[in-house]
Amino acid sequence: MNEIDILILESFPVQVNVVATGNLPDGCTTVDQILQKQEGTEFRITITTERPADTTCTEALVPFEQAIPLDVVGLKAGVYTVTVNGVSDTFEL
């Protein structure tokens, strides 16, 4: 994971998306699961990858971008922290 951007959409109710960008290690690796957990004012997101066994792949890094909607409906106003695979940022509702 290289970086994350937090986008607060001008909508009602408010919508918040996290855009995670980074590089996959080769041409065969893909995003497998996106796990999201919210506790208090912290969102923890884990992006896992998978790679088929016994496959010949390009050795070049493959850039990826993944948009992840956060479930912010009903949350109180305040500052929230988002961490995606160790990269953190904050936003304010």
N, C-alpha and C. Protein backbone atom coordinates (compact mmCIF):
# COMPACT_ATOMS: atom_id res chain seq x y z
N MET A 1 0.84 -1.16 0.00
CA MET A 1 0.00 0.00 0.00
C MET A 1 0.89 1.23 0.00
N ASN A 2 0.67 2.11 -0.96
CA ASN A 2 1.47 3.32 -1.03
C ASN A 2 0.81 4.51 -0.35
N GLU A 3 -0.49 4.71 -0.64
CA GLU A 3 -1.17 5.86 -0.04
C GLU A 3 -2.67 5.64 -0.06
N ILE A 4 -3.35 6.46 0.77
CA ILE A 4 -4.81 6.46 0.76
C ILE A 4 -5.28 7.90 0.66
N ASP A 5 -6.40 8.08 -0.01
CA ASP A 5 -7.08 9.37 -0.09
C ASP A 5 -8.48 9.16 0.44
N ILE A 6 -8.95 10.10 1.24
CA ILE A 6 -10.30 10.01 1.79
C ILE A 6 -11.16 11.05 1.09
N LEU A 7 -12.24 10.59 0.48
CA LEU A 7 -13.14 11.47 -0.27
C LEU A 7 -14.47 11.55 0.46
N ILE A 8 -14.87 12.76 0.83
CA ILE A 8 -16.18 12.97 1.43
C ILE A 8 -17.08 13.51 0.32
N LEU A 9 -18.09 12.72 -0.04
CA LEU A 9 -18.96 13.06 -1.16
C LEU A 9 -20.05 14.01 -0.69
N GLU A 10 -20.36 14.99 -1.52
CA GLU A 10 -21.41 15.94 -1.20
C GLU A 10 -22.76 15.30 -1.51
N SER A 11 -23.29 14.62 -0.52
CA SER A 11 -24.55 13.91 -0.70
C SER A 11 -25.27 13.89 0.64
N PHE A 12 -26.51 13.48 0.61
CA PHE A 12 -27.25 13.30 1.86
C PHE A 12 -27.92 11.94 1.80
N PRO A 13 -27.66 11.05 2.74
CA PRO A 13 -26.68 11.24 3.82
C PRO A 13 -25.26 11.26 3.29
N VAL A 14 -24.36 11.79 4.11
CA VAL A 14 -22.96 11.92 3.70
C VAL A 14 -22.38 10.54 3.38
N GLN A 15 -21.53 10.49 2.37
CA GLN A 15 -20.84 9.25 2.00
C GLN A 15 -19.34 9.52 2.03
N VAL A 16 -18.60 8.55 2.53
CA VAL A 16 -17.14 8.68 2.60
C VAL A 16 -16.52 7.46 1.92
N ASN A 17 -15.62 7.72 1.00
CA ASN A 17 -14.88 6.65 0.32
C ASN A 17 -13.40 6.81 0.60
N VAL A 18 -12.72 5.69 0.74
CA VAL A 18 -11.27 5.66 0.84
C VAL A 18 -10.75 5.08 -0.47
N VAL A 19 -9.81 5.77 -1.09
CA VAL A 19 -9.19 5.26 -2.31
C VAL A 19 -7.77 4.85 -1.94
N ALA A 20 -7.52 3.55 -2.01
CA ALA A 20 -6.21 3.00 -1.68
C ALA A 20 -5.46 2.73 -2.99
N THR A 21 -4.22 3.19 -3.05
CA THR A 21 -3.39 2.93 -4.23
C THR A 21 -2.09 2.26 -3.81
N GLY A 22 -1.60 1.45 -4.68
CA GLY A 22 -0.36 0.74 -4.40
C GLY A 22 0.06 -0.08 -5.59
N ASN A 23 0.91 -1.06 -5.35
CA ASN A 23 1.40 -1.94 -6.40
C ASN A 23 1.26 -3.39 -5.98
N LEU A 24 0.76 -4.19 -6.90
CA LEU A 24 0.76 -5.64 -6.71
C LEU A 24 2.13 -6.15 -7.14
N PRO A 25 2.64 -7.21 -6.52
CA PRO A 25 4.02 -7.62 -6.78
C PRO A 25 4.29 -8.20 -8.16
N ASP A 26 3.24 -8.66 -8.85
CA ASP A 26 3.45 -9.25 -10.18
C ASP A 26 2.12 -9.28 -10.94
N GLY A 27 2.17 -9.76 -12.17
CA GLY A 27 1.00 -9.77 -13.04
C GLY A 27 -0.07 -10.79 -12.69
N CYS A 28 0.21 -11.72 -11.78
CA CYS A 28 -0.77 -12.75 -11.41
C CYS A 28 -1.49 -12.44 -10.10
N THR A 29 -0.93 -11.60 -9.28
CA THR A 29 -1.52 -11.30 -7.98
C THR A 29 -2.71 -10.37 -8.16
N THR A 30 -3.81 -10.68 -7.47
CA THR A 30 -5.01 -9.86 -7.52
C THR A 30 -5.49 -9.57 -6.11
N VAL A 31 -6.34 -8.54 -5.98
CA VAL A 31 -6.97 -8.25 -4.70
C VAL A 31 -7.95 -9.37 -4.41
N ASP A 32 -7.87 -9.94 -3.21
CA ASP A 32 -8.71 -11.06 -2.82
C ASP A 32 -9.90 -10.58 -1.99
N GLN A 33 -9.63 -9.99 -0.84
CA GLN A 33 -10.69 -9.55 0.06
C GLN A 33 -10.38 -8.17 0.60
N ILE A 34 -11.46 -7.45 0.94
CA ILE A 34 -11.33 -6.18 1.63
C ILE A 34 -12.14 -6.32 2.92
N LEU A 35 -11.44 -6.35 4.04
CA LEU A 35 -12.07 -6.52 5.33
C LEU A 35 -12.09 -5.17 6.04
N GLN A 36 -13.25 -4.81 6.59
CA GLN A 36 -13.41 -3.50 7.21
C GLN A 36 -13.97 -3.67 8.62
N LYS A 37 -13.35 -2.98 9.57
CA LYS A 37 -13.82 -3.03 10.95
C LYS A 37 -13.79 -1.62 11.51
N GLN A 38 -14.88 -1.23 12.18
CA GLN A 38 -14.96 0.10 12.77
C GLN A 38 -15.16 -0.03 14.27
N GLU A 39 -14.28 0.61 15.02
CA GLU A 39 -14.39 0.64 16.48
C GLU A 39 -14.20 2.07 16.94
N GLY A 40 -15.22 2.64 17.56
CA GLY A 40 -15.12 4.02 18.03
C GLY A 40 -14.88 4.96 16.87
N THR A 41 -13.78 5.68 16.91
CA THR A 41 -13.46 6.65 15.85
C THR A 41 -12.41 6.12 14.88
N GLU A 42 -12.22 4.81 14.86
CA GLU A 42 -11.20 4.22 13.98
C GLU A 42 -11.80 3.19 13.04
N PHE A 43 -11.44 3.33 11.76
CA PHE A 43 -11.77 2.34 10.74
C PHE A 43 -10.48 1.60 10.41
N ARG A 44 -10.49 0.27 10.51
CA ARG A 44 -9.34 -0.53 10.12
C ARG A 44 -9.74 -1.37 8.92
N ILE A 45 -8.99 -1.20 7.84
CA ILE A 45 -9.27 -1.91 6.60
C ILE A 45 -8.05 -2.73 6.23
N THR A 46 -8.30 -3.99 5.90
CA THR A 46 -7.23 -4.88 5.46
C THR A 46 -7.55 -5.35 4.05
N ILE A 47 -6.62 -5.12 3.14
CA ILE A 47 -6.76 -5.61 1.77
C ILE A 47 -5.82 -6.80 1.64
N THR A 48 -6.40 -7.96 1.32
CA THR A 48 -5.58 -9.15 1.13
C THR A 48 -5.49 -9.45 -0.37
N THR A 49 -4.42 -10.14 -0.74
CA THR A 49 -4.23 -10.51 -2.14
C THR A 49 -4.10 -12.02 -2.27
N GLU A 50 -4.25 -12.49 -3.49
CA GLU A 50 -4.02 -13.91 -3.76
C GLU A 50 -3.26 -14.05 -5.06
N ARG A 51 -2.52 -15.14 -5.14
CA ARG A 51 -1.73 -15.44 -6.33
C ARG A 51 -1.85 -16.93 -6.60
N PRO A 52 -2.25 -17.29 -7.83
CA PRO A 52 -2.35 -18.71 -8.16
C PRO A 52 -1.00 -19.41 -8.04
N ALA A 53 -1.02 -20.60 -7.50
CA ALA A 53 0.21 -21.39 -7.37
C ALA A 53 0.61 -21.94 -8.74
N ASP A 54 1.88 -22.17 -8.90
CA ASP A 54 2.42 -22.81 -10.12
C ASP A 54 2.02 -22.06 -11.39
N THR A 55 2.10 -20.73 -11.34
CA THR A 55 1.77 -19.93 -12.51
C THR A 55 2.97 -19.07 -12.87
N THR A 56 3.25 -18.94 -14.15
CA THR A 56 4.32 -18.07 -14.61
C THR A 56 3.73 -16.67 -14.76
N CYS A 57 4.38 -15.69 -14.14
CA CYS A 57 3.85 -14.33 -14.11
C CYS A 57 4.92 -13.33 -14.53
N THR A 58 4.45 -12.17 -14.96
CA THR A 58 5.40 -11.08 -15.19
C THR A 58 5.96 -10.65 -13.84
N GLU A 59 7.21 -10.27 -13.82
CA GLU A 59 7.87 -9.87 -12.58
C GLU A 59 7.69 -8.39 -12.28
N ALA A 60 7.01 -7.66 -13.14
CA ALA A 60 6.86 -6.22 -12.96
C ALA A 60 5.76 -5.90 -11.95
N LEU A 61 5.95 -4.80 -11.21
CA LEU A 61 4.91 -4.33 -10.31
C LEU A 61 3.70 -3.89 -11.12
N VAL A 62 2.51 -4.16 -10.61
CA VAL A 62 1.27 -3.79 -11.29
C VAL A 62 0.52 -2.80 -10.39
N PRO A 63 0.37 -1.54 -10.84
CA PRO A 63 -0.34 -0.56 -10.03
C PRO A 63 -1.80 -0.94 -9.87
N PHE A 64 -2.36 -0.62 -8.69
CA PHE A 64 -3.79 -0.83 -8.50
C PHE A 64 -4.37 0.34 -7.71
N GLU A 65 -5.68 0.51 -7.88
CA GLU A 65 -6.43 1.52 -7.14
C GLU A 65 -7.74 0.88 -6.73
N GLN A 66 -8.08 0.99 -5.46
CA GLN A 66 -9.27 0.35 -4.94
C GLN A 66 -10.08 1.37 -4.14
N ALA A 67 -11.33 1.61 -4.56
CA ALA A 67 -12.23 2.50 -3.81
C ALA A 67 -13.00 1.66 -2.80
N ILE A 68 -13.05 2.15 -1.56
CA ILE A 68 -13.69 1.41 -0.47
C ILE A 68 -14.68 2.35 0.23
N PRO A 69 -15.98 2.08 0.14
CA PRO A 69 -16.94 2.92 0.85
C PRO A 69 -16.92 2.61 2.34
N LEU A 70 -16.96 3.66 3.16
CA LEU A 70 -17.02 3.49 4.61
C LEU A 70 -18.48 3.60 5.05
N ASP A 71 -18.86 2.81 6.03
CA ASP A 71 -20.21 2.85 6.58
C ASP A 71 -20.24 3.93 7.67
N VAL A 72 -20.62 5.16 7.29
CA VAL A 72 -20.61 6.28 8.22
C VAL A 72 -22.02 6.71 8.63
N VAL A 73 -23.04 6.01 8.14
CA VAL A 73 -24.42 6.38 8.46
C VAL A 73 -24.63 6.25 9.97
N GLY A 74 -25.13 7.32 10.56
CA GLY A 74 -25.43 7.31 11.99
C GLY A 74 -24.26 7.65 12.89
N LEU A 75 -23.07 7.88 12.32
CA LEU A 75 -21.93 8.24 13.17
C LEU A 75 -22.03 9.69 13.61
N LYS A 76 -21.52 9.96 14.80
CA LYS A 76 -21.54 11.31 15.36
C LYS A 76 -20.47 12.17 14.69
N ALA A 77 -20.67 13.48 14.73
CA ALA A 77 -19.66 14.41 14.21
C ALA A 77 -18.36 14.22 15.00
N GLY A 78 -17.25 14.37 14.30
CA GLY A 78 -15.96 14.21 14.96
C GLY A 78 -14.88 13.86 13.96
N VAL A 79 -13.69 13.61 14.48
CA VAL A 79 -12.54 13.24 13.66
C VAL A 79 -12.38 11.71 13.73
N TYR A 80 -12.24 11.10 12.57
CA TYR A 80 -12.11 9.64 12.47
C TYR A 80 -10.79 9.30 11.79
N THR A 81 -10.19 8.21 12.20
CA THR A 81 -8.95 7.72 11.61
C THR A 81 -9.25 6.50 10.76
N VAL A 82 -8.63 6.45 9.59
CA VAL A 82 -8.74 5.31 8.69
C VAL A 82 -7.35 4.74 8.49
N THR A 83 -7.20 3.43 8.70
CA THR A 83 -5.92 2.75 8.46
C THR A 83 -6.16 1.62 7.48
N VAL A 84 -5.42 1.65 6.37
CA VAL A 84 -5.51 0.60 5.35
C VAL A 84 -4.13 -0.04 5.23
N ASN A 85 -4.03 -1.30 5.64
CA ASN A 85 -2.75 -2.03 5.56
C ASN A 85 -1.59 -1.20 6.10
N GLY A 86 -1.81 -0.52 7.23
CA GLY A 86 -0.75 0.22 7.88
C GLY A 86 -0.60 1.68 7.48
N VAL A 87 -1.32 2.13 6.47
CA VAL A 87 -1.28 3.54 6.03
C VAL A 87 -2.49 4.25 6.60
N SER A 88 -2.26 5.37 7.33
CA SER A 88 -3.36 6.03 8.03
C SER A 88 -3.58 7.47 7.55
N ASP A 89 -4.83 7.92 7.72
CA ASP A 89 -5.21 9.30 7.47
C ASP A 89 -6.45 9.57 8.30
N THR A 90 -6.87 10.83 8.38
CA THR A 90 -8.05 11.18 9.16
C THR A 90 -9.02 11.99 8.30
N PHE A 91 -10.29 12.00 8.76
CA PHE A 91 -11.29 12.85 8.15
C PHE A 91 -12.23 13.32 9.24
N GLU A 92 -12.97 14.39 8.95
CA GLU A 92 -13.90 14.95 9.92
C GLU A 92 -15.31 14.93 9.37
N LEU A 93 -16.22 14.41 10.18
CA LEU A 93 -17.64 14.42 9.80
C LEU A 93 -18.28 15.67 10.36
